[in-house]
Amino acid sequence: MKVDAHGTAAQHAAPDHLEISIRFPAATKPFVDPHASLAETVGALKVRALSAFEVAETSGPEGQTLYFLYFDQERLDDPAQTLGQIAGEKHTLKLKLVQQLVQG
């Protein structure tokens, strides 16, 4: 605990952000955001990740190309879940973007 010039304990606010890193096997470098908001949702982060990796979900007569974010071995299916809910007490979050091809 730090003490200020007046001898009182200084209170530290919990950070409102965390560092995220998203790996995508087809990319040479991960997508990194050192200041991602704890309140950002999985859905919003997925949109940013797809843009960063220059890929998009598609649907056509041949089938669909879908993308999912994973934390550890768990697929993040709830687009409303926040990064803070996933990270818990962690200050960094390492995710993976996985492509799924569904034949039509």
PDB file of N, CA and C in Angstrom:
ATOM      1  N   MET A   1       0.844  -1.166   0.000  1.00  0.00           N
ATOM      2  CA  MET A   1       0.000   0.000   0.000  1.00  0.00           C
ATOM      3  C   MET A   1       0.891   1.230   0.000  1.00  0.00           C
ATOM      4  N   LYS A   2       0.568   2.169  -0.859  1.00  0.00           N
ATOM      5  CA  LYS A   2       1.330   3.413  -0.912  1.00  0.00           C
ATOM      6  C   LYS A   2       0.736   4.420   0.054  1.00  0.00           C
ATOM      7  N   VAL A   3       1.608   5.267   0.590  1.00  0.00           N
ATOM      8  CA  VAL A   3       1.184   6.321   1.511  1.00  0.00           C
ATOM      9  C   VAL A   3       1.513   7.650   0.872  1.00  0.00           C
ATOM     10  N   ASP A   4       0.543   8.583   0.890  1.00  0.00           N
ATOM     11  CA  ASP A   4       0.782   9.887   0.271  1.00  0.00           C
ATOM     12  C   ASP A   4       1.527  10.808   1.238  1.00  0.00           C
ATOM     13  N   ALA A   5       1.750  12.056   0.819  1.00  0.00           N
ATOM     14  CA  ALA A   5       2.536  13.021   1.603  1.00  0.00           C
ATOM     15  C   ALA A   5       1.892  13.344   2.949  1.00  0.00           C
ATOM     16  N   HIS A   6       0.606  13.097   3.083  1.00  0.00           N
ATOM     17  CA  HIS A   6      -0.100  13.391   4.328  1.00  0.00           C
ATOM     18  C   HIS A   6      -0.157  12.184   5.261  1.00  0.00           C
ATOM     19  N   GLY A   7       0.470  11.077   4.862  1.00  0.00           N
ATOM     20  CA  GLY A   7       0.499   9.896   5.708  1.00  0.00           C
ATOM     21  C   GLY A   7      -0.741   9.037   5.619  1.00  0.00           C
ATOM     22  N   THR A   8      -1.598   9.276   4.621  1.00  0.00           N
ATOM     23  CA  THR A   8      -2.798   8.464   4.462  1.00  0.00           C
ATOM     24  C   THR A   8      -2.593   7.485   3.308  1.00  0.00           C
ATOM     25  N   ALA A   9      -3.277   6.386   3.401  1.00  0.00           N
ATOM     26  CA  ALA A   9      -3.137   5.353   2.378  1.00  0.00           C
ATOM     27  C   ALA A   9      -3.762   5.834   1.075  1.00  0.00           C
ATOM     28  N   ALA A  10      -3.032   5.681  -0.010  1.00  0.00           N
ATOM     29  CA  ALA A  10      -3.533   6.058  -1.333  1.00  0.00           C
ATOM     30  C   ALA A  10      -4.345   4.891  -1.892  1.00  0.00           C
ATOM     31  N   GLN A  11      -5.528   5.174  -2.365  1.00  0.00           N
ATOM     32  CA  GLN A  11      -6.398   4.147  -2.933  1.00  0.00           C
ATOM     33  C   GLN A  11      -6.158   4.107  -4.441  1.00  0.00           C
ATOM     34  N   HIS A  12      -6.036   2.912  -4.978  1.00  0.00           N
ATOM     35  CA  HIS A  12      -5.855   2.743  -6.417  1.00  0.00           C
ATOM     36  C   HIS A  12      -7.137   2.204  -7.013  1.00  0.00           C
ATOM     37  N   ALA A  13      -7.624   2.891  -8.007  1.00  0.00           N
ATOM     38  CA  ALA A  13      -8.819   2.419  -8.698  1.00  0.00           C
ATOM     39  C   ALA A  13      -8.453   1.216  -9.555  1.00  0.00           C
ATOM     40  N   ALA A  14      -9.359   0.285  -9.631  1.00  0.00           N
ATOM     41  CA  ALA A  14      -9.128  -0.877 -10.481  1.00  0.00           C
ATOM     42  C   ALA A  14      -9.065  -0.407 -11.938  1.00  0.00           C
ATOM     43  N   PRO A  15      -8.184  -1.003 -12.735  1.00  0.00           N
ATOM     44  CA  PRO A  15      -8.106  -0.589 -14.139  1.00  0.00           C
ATOM     45  C   PRO A  15      -9.417  -0.894 -14.866  1.00  0.00           C
ATOM     46  N   ASP A  16      -9.746  -0.048 -15.841  1.00  0.00           N
ATOM     47  CA  ASP A  16     -10.972  -0.256 -16.614  1.00  0.00           C
ATOM     48  C   ASP A  16     -10.670  -0.839 -17.987  1.00  0.00           C
ATOM     49  N   HIS A  17      -9.447  -1.324 -18.153  1.00  0.00           N
ATOM     50  CA  HIS A  17      -9.049  -1.906 -19.428  1.00  0.00           C
ATOM     51  C   HIS A  17      -8.121  -3.101 -19.186  1.00  0.00           C
ATOM     52  N   LEU A  18      -7.871  -3.839 -20.243  1.00  0.00           N
ATOM     53  CA  LEU A  18      -6.921  -4.941 -20.201  1.00  0.00           C
ATOM     54  C   LEU A  18      -6.275  -5.077 -21.567  1.00  0.00           C
ATOM     55  N   GLU A  19      -5.211  -5.831 -21.607  1.00  0.00           N
ATOM     56  CA  GLU A  19      -4.524  -6.080 -22.880  1.00  0.00           C
ATOM     57  C   GLU A  19      -5.073  -7.361 -23.466  1.00  0.00           C
ATOM     58  N   ILE A  20      -5.481  -7.284 -24.738  1.00  0.00           N
ATOM     59  CA  ILE A  20      -5.939  -8.494 -25.420  1.00  0.00           C
ATOM     60  C   ILE A  20      -4.994  -8.818 -26.564  1.00  0.00           C
ATOM     61  N   SER A  21      -4.868 -10.095 -26.810  1.00  0.00           N
ATOM     62  CA  SER A  21      -4.089 -10.596 -27.927  1.00  0.00           C
ATOM     63  C   SER A  21      -4.904 -11.710 -28.568  1.00  0.00           C
ATOM     64  N   ILE A  22      -5.137 -11.590 -29.885  1.00  0.00           N
ATOM     65  CA  ILE A  22      -5.913 -12.597 -30.607  1.00  0.00           C
ATOM     66  C   ILE A  22      -5.039 -13.212 -31.687  1.00  0.00           C
ATOM     67  N   ARG A  23      -4.846 -14.521 -31.600  1.00  0.00           N
ATOM     68  CA  ARG A  23      -4.105 -15.251 -32.632  1.00  0.00           C
ATOM     69  C   ARG A  23      -5.091 -15.780 -33.665  1.00  0.00           C
ATOM     70  N   PHE A  24      -4.654 -15.757 -34.921  1.00  0.00           N
ATOM     71  CA  PHE A  24      -5.420 -16.325 -36.023  1.00  0.00           C
ATOM     72  C   PHE A  24      -4.419 -17.117 -36.855  1.00  0.00           C
ATOM     73  N   PRO A  25      -4.596 -18.432 -36.983  1.00  0.00           N
ATOM     74  CA  PRO A  25      -3.584 -19.268 -37.641  1.00  0.00           C
ATOM     75  C   PRO A  25      -3.171 -18.798 -39.042  1.00  0.00           C
ATOM     76  N   ALA A  26      -4.073 -18.161 -39.776  1.00  0.00           N
ATOM     77  CA  ALA A  26      -3.745 -17.718 -41.131  1.00  0.00           C
ATOM     78  C   ALA A  26      -2.945 -16.417 -41.163  1.00  0.00           C
ATOM     79  N   ALA A  27      -2.778 -15.777 -40.018  1.00  0.00           N
ATOM     80  CA  ALA A  27      -2.075 -14.487 -39.954  1.00  0.00           C
ATOM     81  C   ALA A  27      -0.673 -14.676 -39.377  1.00  0.00           C
ATOM     82  N   THR A  28       0.239 -13.820 -39.817  1.00  0.00           N
ATOM     83  CA  THR A  28       1.607 -13.906 -39.321  1.00  0.00           C
ATOM     84  C   THR A  28       1.775 -13.258 -37.951  1.00  0.00           C
ATOM     85  N   LYS A  29       0.920 -12.274 -37.629  1.00  0.00           N
ATOM     86  CA  LYS A  29       1.012 -11.571 -36.353  1.00  0.00           C
ATOM     87  C   LYS A  29      -0.348 -11.568 -35.666  1.00  0.00           C
ATOM     88  N   PRO A  30      -0.365 -11.575 -34.343  1.00  0.00           N
ATOM     89  CA  PRO A  30      -1.648 -11.480 -33.638  1.00  0.00           C
ATOM     90  C   PRO A  30      -2.198 -10.066 -33.678  1.00  0.00           C
ATOM     91  N   PHE A  31      -3.489  -9.946 -33.433  1.00  0.00           N
ATOM     92  CA  PHE A  31      -4.124  -8.650 -33.231  1.00  0.00           C
ATOM     93  C   PHE A  31      -3.973  -8.336 -31.752  1.00  0.00           C
ATOM     94  N   VAL A  32      -3.403  -7.177 -31.439  1.00  0.00           N
ATOM     95  CA  VAL A  32      -3.154  -6.793 -30.051  1.00  0.00           C
ATOM     96  C   VAL A  32      -3.778  -5.431 -29.786  1.00  0.00           C
ATOM     97  N   ASP A  33      -4.483  -5.331 -28.670  1.00  0.00           N
ATOM     98  CA  ASP A  33      -5.013  -4.058 -28.196  1.00  0.00           C
ATOM     99  C   ASP A  33      -4.630  -3.943 -26.723  1.00  0.00           C
ATOM    100  N   PRO A  34      -3.664  -3.073 -26.410  1.00  0.00           N
ATOM    101  CA  PRO A  34      -3.217  -2.959 -25.020  1.00  0.00           C
ATOM    102  C   PRO A  34      -4.188  -2.216 -24.112  1.00  0.00           C
ATOM    103  N   HIS A  35      -5.238  -1.628 -24.671  1.00  0.00           N
ATOM    104  CA  HIS A  35      -6.171  -0.837 -23.864  1.00  0.00           C
ATOM    105  C   HIS A  35      -7.634  -1.189 -24.161  1.00  0.00           C
ATOM    106  N   ALA A  36      -7.938  -2.475 -24.294  1.00  0.00           N
ATOM    107  CA  ALA A  36      -9.315  -2.900 -24.551  1.00  0.00           C
ATOM    108  C   ALA A  36     -10.163  -2.665 -23.298  1.00  0.00           C
ATOM    109  N   SER A  37     -11.358  -2.192 -23.496  1.00  0.00           N
ATOM    110  CA  SER A  37     -12.261  -1.905 -22.389  1.00  0.00           C
ATOM    111  C   SER A  37     -12.802  -3.197 -21.780  1.00  0.00           C
ATOM    112  N   LEU A  38     -12.871  -3.232 -20.460  1.00  0.00           N
ATOM    113  CA  LEU A  38     -13.470  -4.372 -19.768  1.00  0.00           C
ATOM    114  C   LEU A  38     -14.945  -4.507 -20.117  1.00  0.00           C
ATOM    115  N   ALA A  39     -15.576  -3.397 -20.513  1.00  0.00           N
ATOM    116  CA  ALA A  39     -16.994  -3.399 -20.849  1.00  0.00           C
ATOM    117  C   ALA A  39     -17.265  -3.802 -22.299  1.00  0.00           C
ATOM    118  N   GLU A  40     -16.225  -3.927 -23.115  1.00  0.00           N
ATOM    119  CA  GLU A  40     -16.421  -4.323 -24.516  1.00  0.00           C
ATOM    120  C   GLU A  40     -16.984  -5.734 -24.568  1.00  0.00           C
ATOM    121  N   THR A  41     -17.905  -5.953 -25.498  1.00  0.00           N
ATOM    122  CA  THR A  41     -18.526  -7.273 -25.619  1.00  0.00           C
ATOM    123  C   THR A  41     -17.755  -8.164 -26.588  1.00  0.00           C
ATOM    124  N   VAL A  42     -18.003  -9.456 -26.468  1.00  0.00           N
ATOM    125  CA  VAL A  42     -17.407 -10.433 -27.382  1.00  0.00           C
ATOM    126  C   VAL A  42     -17.820 -10.112 -28.817  1.00  0.00           C
ATOM    127  N   GLY A  43     -19.078  -9.727 -29.014  1.00  0.00           N
ATOM    128  CA  GLY A  43     -19.555  -9.396 -30.357  1.00  0.00           C
ATOM    129  C   GLY A  43     -18.804  -8.232 -30.967  1.00  0.00           C
ATOM    130  N   ALA A  44     -18.584  -7.178 -30.188  1.00  0.00           N
ATOM    131  CA  ALA A  44     -17.846  -6.012 -30.688  1.00  0.00           C
ATOM    132  C   ALA A  44     -16.386  -6.361 -30.952  1.00  0.00           C
ATOM    133  N   LEU A  45     -15.795  -7.149 -30.078  1.00  0.00           N
ATOM    134  CA  LEU A  45     -14.397  -7.542 -30.272  1.00  0.00           C
ATOM    135  C   LEU A  45     -14.251  -8.412 -31.520  1.00  0.00           C
ATOM    136  N   LYS A  46     -15.204  -9.285 -31.756  1.00  0.00           N
ATOM    137  CA  LYS A  46     -15.154 -10.140 -32.944  1.00  0.00           C
ATOM    138  C   LYS A  46     -15.168  -9.294 -34.218  1.00  0.00           C
ATOM    139  N   VAL A  47     -16.014  -8.266 -34.249  1.00  0.00           N
ATOM    140  CA  VAL A  47     -16.067  -7.364 -35.407  1.00  0.00           C
ATOM    141  C   VAL A  47     -14.699  -6.719 -35.628  1.00  0.00           C
ATOM    142  N   ARG A  48     -14.069  -6.248 -34.549  1.00  0.00           N
ATOM    143  CA  ARG A  48     -12.737  -5.626 -34.671  1.00  0.00           C
ATOM    144  C   ARG A  48     -11.688  -6.635 -35.131  1.00  0.00           C
ATOM    145  N   ALA A  49     -11.764  -7.860 -34.632  1.00  0.00           N
ATOM    146  CA  ALA A  49     -10.795  -8.890 -35.010  1.00  0.00           C
ATOM    147  C   ALA A  49     -10.944  -9.267 -36.485  1.00  0.00           C
ATOM    148  N   LEU A  50     -12.176  -9.454 -36.934  1.00  0.00           N
ATOM    149  CA  LEU A  50     -12.390  -9.786 -38.353  1.00  0.00           C
ATOM    150  C   LEU A  50     -11.839  -8.686 -39.246  1.00  0.00           C
ATOM    151  N   SER A  51     -12.057  -7.440 -38.872  1.00  0.00           N
ATOM    152  CA  SER A  51     -11.538  -6.311 -39.634  1.00  0.00           C
ATOM    153  C   SER A  51     -10.006  -6.296 -39.615  1.00  0.00           C
ATOM    154  N   ALA A  52      -9.426  -6.515 -38.452  1.00  0.00           N
ATOM    155  CA  ALA A  52      -7.959  -6.484 -38.326  1.00  0.00           C
ATOM    156  C   ALA A  52      -7.304  -7.569 -39.168  1.00  0.00           C
ATOM    157  N   PHE A  53      -7.931  -8.744 -39.239  1.00  0.00           N
ATOM    158  CA  PHE A  53      -7.371  -9.850 -40.020  1.00  0.00           C
ATOM    159  C   PHE A  53      -7.866  -9.847 -41.466  1.00  0.00           C
ATOM    160  N   GLU A  54      -8.697  -8.852 -41.811  1.00  0.00           N
ATOM    161  CA  GLU A  54      -9.224  -8.680 -43.166  1.00  0.00           C
ATOM    162  C   GLU A  54      -9.958  -9.921 -43.663  1.00  0.00           C
ATOM    163  N   VAL A  55     -10.829 -10.459 -42.807  1.00  0.00           N
ATOM    164  CA  VAL A  55     -11.672 -11.589 -43.173  1.00  0.00           C
ATOM    165  C   VAL A  55     -13.113 -11.227 -42.841  1.00  0.00           C
ATOM    166  N   ALA A  56     -14.052 -11.986 -43.404  1.00  0.00           N
ATOM    167  CA  ALA A  56     -15.470 -11.722 -43.147  1.00  0.00           C
ATOM    168  C   ALA A  56     -16.239 -13.032 -43.173  1.00  0.00           C
ATOM    169  N   GLU A  57     -17.312 -13.074 -42.398  1.00  0.00           N
ATOM    170  CA  GLU A  57     -18.203 -14.223 -42.468  1.00  0.00           C
ATOM    171  C   GLU A  57     -18.997 -14.115 -43.763  1.00  0.00           C
ATOM    172  N   THR A  58     -19.163 -15.247 -44.442  1.00  0.00           N
ATOM    173  CA  THR A  58     -19.868 -15.256 -45.719  1.00  0.00           C
ATOM    174  C   THR A  58     -20.867 -16.398 -45.749  1.00  0.00           C
ATOM    175  N   SER A  59     -21.841 -16.248 -46.632  1.00  0.00           N
ATOM    176  CA  SER A  59     -22.847 -17.278 -46.829  1.00  0.00           C
ATOM    177  C   SER A  59     -23.217 -17.300 -48.302  1.00  0.00           C
ATOM    178  N   GLY A  60     -23.279 -18.484 -48.864  1.00  0.00           N
ATOM    179  CA  GLY A  60     -23.628 -18.616 -50.273  1.00  0.00           C
ATOM    180  C   GLY A  60     -24.092 -20.026 -50.558  1.00  0.00           C
ATOM    181  N   PRO A  61     -24.335 -20.330 -51.846  1.00  0.00           N
ATOM    182  CA  PRO A  61     -24.837 -21.658 -52.205  1.00  0.00           C
ATOM    183  C   PRO A  61     -23.855 -22.785 -51.866  1.00  0.00           C
ATOM    184  N   GLU A  62     -22.584 -22.461 -51.813  1.00  0.00           N
ATOM    185  CA  GLU A  62     -21.565 -23.478 -51.509  1.00  0.00           C
ATOM    186  C   GLU A  62     -21.439 -23.731 -50.014  1.00  0.00           C
ATOM    187  N   GLY A  63     -21.978 -22.804 -49.207  1.00  0.00           N
ATOM    188  CA  GLY A  63     -21.891 -22.972 -47.762  1.00  0.00           C
ATOM    189  C   GLY A  63     -21.576 -21.665 -47.065  1.00  0.00           C
ATOM    190  N   GLN A  64     -21.120 -21.784 -45.817  1.00  0.00           N
ATOM    191  CA  GLN A  64     -20.829 -20.615 -45.001  1.00  0.00           C
ATOM    192  C   GLN A  64     -19.396 -20.660 -44.490  1.00  0.00           C
ATOM    193  N   THR A  65     -18.832 -19.473 -44.300  1.00  0.00           N
ATOM    194  CA  THR A  65     -17.563 -19.315 -43.598  1.00  0.00           C
ATOM    195  C   THR A  65     -17.866 -18.527 -42.342  1.00  0.00           C
ATOM    196  N   LEU A  66     -17.646 -19.153 -41.205  1.00  0.00           N
ATOM    197  CA  LEU A  66     -17.930 -18.539 -39.916  1.00  0.00           C
ATOM    198  C   LEU A  66     -16.643 -18.415 -39.106  1.00  0.00           C
ATOM    199  N   TYR A  67     -16.633 -17.485 -38.165  1.00  0.00           N
ATOM    200  CA  TYR A  67     -15.476 -17.284 -37.290  1.00  0.00           C
ATOM    201  C   TYR A  67     -15.946 -17.241 -35.842  1.00  0.00           C
ATOM    202  N   PHE A  68     -15.143 -17.828 -34.971  1.00  0.00           N
ATOM    203  CA  PHE A  68     -15.455 -17.865 -33.544  1.00  0.00           C
ATOM    204  C   PHE A  68     -14.223 -17.499 -32.735  1.00  0.00           C
ATOM    205  N   LEU A  69     -14.446 -16.791 -31.642  1.00  0.00           N
ATOM    206  CA  LEU A  69     -13.378 -16.499 -30.694  1.00  0.00           C
ATOM    207  C   LEU A  69     -13.368 -17.586 -29.623  1.00  0.00           C
ATOM    208  N   TYR A  70     -12.154 -17.981 -29.233  1.00  0.00           N
ATOM    209  CA  TYR A  70     -11.974 -18.984 -28.187  1.00  0.00           C
ATOM    210  C   TYR A  70     -11.087 -18.412 -27.093  1.00  0.00           C
ATOM    211  N   PHE A  71     -11.427 -18.749 -25.862  1.00  0.00           N
ATOM    212  CA  PHE A  71     -10.589 -18.463 -24.699  1.00  0.00           C
ATOM    213  C   PHE A  71     -10.245 -19.816 -24.103  1.00  0.00           C
ATOM    214  N   ASP A  72      -8.955 -20.135 -24.061  1.00  0.00           N
ATOM    215  CA  ASP A  72      -8.506 -21.488 -23.716  1.00  0.00           C
ATOM    216  C   ASP A  72      -9.162 -22.433 -24.718  1.00  0.00           C
ATOM    217  N   GLN A  73      -9.902 -23.407 -24.263  1.00  0.00           N
ATOM    218  CA  GLN A  73     -10.572 -24.333 -25.180  1.00  0.00           C
ATOM    219  C   GLN A  73     -12.072 -24.053 -25.292  1.00  0.00           C
ATOM    220  N   GLU A  74     -12.508 -22.929 -24.746  1.00  0.00           N
ATOM    221  CA  GLU A  74     -13.939 -22.606 -24.708  1.00  0.00           C
ATOM    222  C   GLU A  74     -14.324 -21.614 -25.794  1.00  0.00           C
ATOM    223  N   ARG A  75     -15.313 -21.988 -26.602  1.00  0.00           N
ATOM    224  CA  ARG A  75     -15.818 -21.086 -27.630  1.00  0.00           C
ATOM    225  C   ARG A  75     -16.685 -20.027 -26.963  1.00  0.00           C
ATOM    226  N   LEU A  76     -16.471 -18.783 -27.321  1.00  0.00           N
ATOM    227  CA  LEU A  76     -17.212 -17.666 -26.748  1.00  0.00           C
ATOM    228  C   LEU A  76     -18.442 -17.409 -27.610  1.00  0.00           C
ATOM    229  N   ASP A  77     -19.560 -18.029 -27.238  1.00  0.00           N
ATOM    230  CA  ASP A  77     -20.779 -17.978 -28.048  1.00  0.00           C
ATOM    231  C   ASP A  77     -21.714 -16.827 -27.704  1.00  0.00           C
ATOM    232  N   ASP A  78     -21.545 -16.207 -26.546  1.00  0.00           N
ATOM    233  CA  ASP A  78     -22.448 -15.145 -26.118  1.00  0.00           C
ATOM    234  C   ASP A  78     -21.895 -13.789 -26.554  1.00  0.00           C
ATOM    235  N   PRO A  79     -22.463 -13.173 -27.598  1.00  0.00           N
ATOM    236  CA  PRO A  79     -21.923 -11.900 -28.084  1.00  0.00           C
ATOM    237  C   PRO A  79     -22.074 -10.759 -27.083  1.00  0.00           C
ATOM    238  N   ALA A  80     -22.935 -10.919 -26.077  1.00  0.00           N
ATOM    239  CA  ALA A  80     -23.145  -9.873 -25.077  1.00  0.00           C
ATOM    240  C   ALA A  80     -22.204  -9.998 -23.871  1.00  0.00           C
ATOM    241  N   GLN A  81     -21.467 -11.112 -23.793  1.00  0.00           N
ATOM    242  CA  GLN A  81     -20.537 -11.298 -22.676  1.00  0.00           C
ATOM    243  C   GLN A  81     -19.411 -10.268 -22.785  1.00  0.00           C
ATOM    244  N   THR A  82     -19.025  -9.682 -21.651  1.00  0.00           N
ATOM    245  CA  THR A  82     -17.979  -8.655 -21.675  1.00  0.00           C
ATOM    246  C   THR A  82     -16.597  -9.273 -21.469  1.00  0.00           C
ATOM    247  N   LEU A  83     -15.593  -8.531 -21.914  1.00  0.00           N
ATOM    248  CA  LEU A  83     -14.217  -8.985 -21.715  1.00  0.00           C
ATOM    249  C   LEU A  83     -13.887  -9.075 -20.233  1.00  0.00           C
ATOM    250  N   GLY A  84     -14.458  -8.170 -19.442  1.00  0.00           N
ATOM    251  CA  GLY A  84     -14.245  -8.207 -17.999  1.00  0.00           C
ATOM    252  C   GLY A  84     -14.784  -9.481 -17.374  1.00  0.00           C
ATOM    253  N   GLN A  85     -15.929  -9.959 -17.859  1.00  0.00           N
ATOM    254  CA  GLN A  85     -16.496 -11.203 -17.351  1.00  0.00           C
ATOM    255  C   GLN A  85     -15.601 -12.386 -17.684  1.00  0.00           C
ATOM    256  N   ILE A  86     -14.992 -12.359 -18.843  1.00  0.00           N
ATOM    257  CA  ILE A  86     -14.113 -13.453 -19.258  1.00  0.00           C
ATOM    258  C   ILE A  86     -12.791 -13.403 -18.497  1.00  0.00           C
ATOM    259  N   ALA A  87     -12.230 -12.217 -18.390  1.00  0.00           N
ATOM    260  CA  ALA A  87     -10.896 -12.062 -17.795  1.00  0.00           C
ATOM    261  C   ALA A  87     -10.885 -12.249 -16.283  1.00  0.00           C
ATOM    262  N   GLY A  88     -11.971 -11.885 -15.619  1.00  0.00           N
ATOM    263  CA  GLY A  88     -11.977 -11.970 -14.158  1.00  0.00           C
ATOM    264  C   GLY A  88     -10.931 -11.027 -13.579  1.00  0.00           C
ATOM    265  N   GLU A  89      -9.993 -11.560 -12.834  1.00  0.00           N
ATOM    266  CA  GLU A  89      -8.946 -10.761 -12.194  1.00  0.00           C
ATOM    267  C   GLU A  89      -7.715 -10.556 -13.094  1.00  0.00           C
ATOM    268  N   LYS A  90      -7.705 -11.192 -14.254  1.00  0.00           N
ATOM    269  CA  LYS A  90      -6.541 -11.110 -15.151  1.00  0.00           C
ATOM    270  C   LYS A  90      -6.448  -9.729 -15.796  1.00  0.00           C
ATOM    271  N   HIS A  91      -5.222  -9.322 -16.105  1.00  0.00           N
ATOM    272  CA  HIS A  91      -4.981  -8.036 -16.771  1.00  0.00           C
ATOM    273  C   HIS A  91      -4.688  -8.216 -18.254  1.00  0.00           C
ATOM    274  N   THR A  92      -4.547  -9.462 -18.666  1.00  0.00           N
ATOM    275  CA  THR A  92      -4.344  -9.769 -20.079  1.00  0.00           C
ATOM    276  C   THR A  92      -5.292 -10.893 -20.469  1.00  0.00           C
ATOM    277  N   LEU A  93      -5.665 -10.912 -21.736  1.00  0.00           N
ATOM    278  CA  LEU A  93      -6.573 -11.919 -22.246  1.00  0.00           C
ATOM    279  C   LEU A  93      -6.038 -12.397 -23.588  1.00  0.00           C
ATOM    280  N   LYS A  94      -5.734 -13.687 -23.668  1.00  0.00           N
ATOM    281  CA  LYS A  94      -5.229 -14.264 -24.906  1.00  0.00           C
ATOM    282  C   LYS A  94      -6.316 -15.128 -25.524  1.00  0.00           C
ATOM    283  N   LEU A  95      -6.713 -14.736 -26.729  1.00  0.00           N
ATOM    284  CA  LEU A  95      -7.798 -15.407 -27.437  1.00  0.00           C
ATOM    285  C   LEU A  95      -7.303 -15.964 -28.763  1.00  0.00           C
ATOM    286  N   LYS A  96      -8.136 -16.792 -29.360  1.00  0.00           N
ATOM    287  CA  LYS A  96      -7.827 -17.356 -30.678  1.00  0.00           C
ATOM    288  C   LYS A  96      -9.055 -17.190 -31.558  1.00  0.00           C
ATOM    289  N   LEU A  97      -8.842 -16.785 -32.813  1.00  0.00           N
ATOM    290  CA  LEU A  97      -9.909 -16.696 -33.803  1.00  0.00           C
ATOM    291  C   LEU A  97      -9.834 -17.939 -34.676  1.00  0.00           C
ATOM    292  N   VAL A  98     -10.959 -18.675 -34.748  1.00  0.00           N
ATOM    293  CA  VAL A  98     -10.998 -19.930 -35.489  1.00  0.00           C
ATOM    294  C   VAL A  98     -12.008 -19.825 -36.623  1.00  0.00           C
ATOM    295  N   GLN A  99     -11.611 -20.291 -37.794  1.00  0.00           N
ATOM    296  CA  GLN A  99     -12.492 -20.304 -38.968  1.00  0.00           C
ATOM    297  C   GLN A  99     -13.199 -21.659 -39.059  1.00  0.00           C
ATOM    298  N   GLN A 100     -14.493 -21.618 -39.360  1.00  0.00           N
ATOM    299  CA  GLN A 100     -15.263 -22.848 -39.559  1.00  0.00           C
ATOM    300  C   GLN A 100     -15.948 -22.762 -40.903  1.00  0.00           C
ATOM    301  N   LEU A 101     -15.785 -23.800 -41.722  1.00  0.00           N
ATOM    302  CA  LEU A 101     -16.428 -23.871 -43.014  1.00  0.00           C
ATOM    303  C   LEU A 101     -17.594 -24.854 -42.913  1.00  0.00           C
ATOM    304  N   VAL A 102     -18.778 -24.398 -43.319  1.00  0.00           N
ATOM    305  CA  VAL A 102     -19.983 -25.225 -43.269  1.00  0.00           C
ATOM    306  C   VAL A 102     -20.463 -25.400 -44.707  1.00  0.00           C
ATOM    307  N   GLN A 103     -20.450 -26.635 -45.187  1.00  0.00           N
ATOM    308  CA  GLN A 103     -20.883 -26.874 -46.565  1.00  0.00           C
ATOM    309  C   GLN A 103     -22.386 -26.792 -46.665  1.00  0.00           C
ATOM    310  N   GLY A 104     -22.856 -26.196 -47.784  1.00  0.00           N
ATOM    311  CA  GLY A 104     -24.284 -25.994 -47.983  1.00  0.00           C
ATOM    312  C   GLY A 104     -24.893 -27.169 -48.586  1.00  0.00           C
TER     313      GLY A 104
END
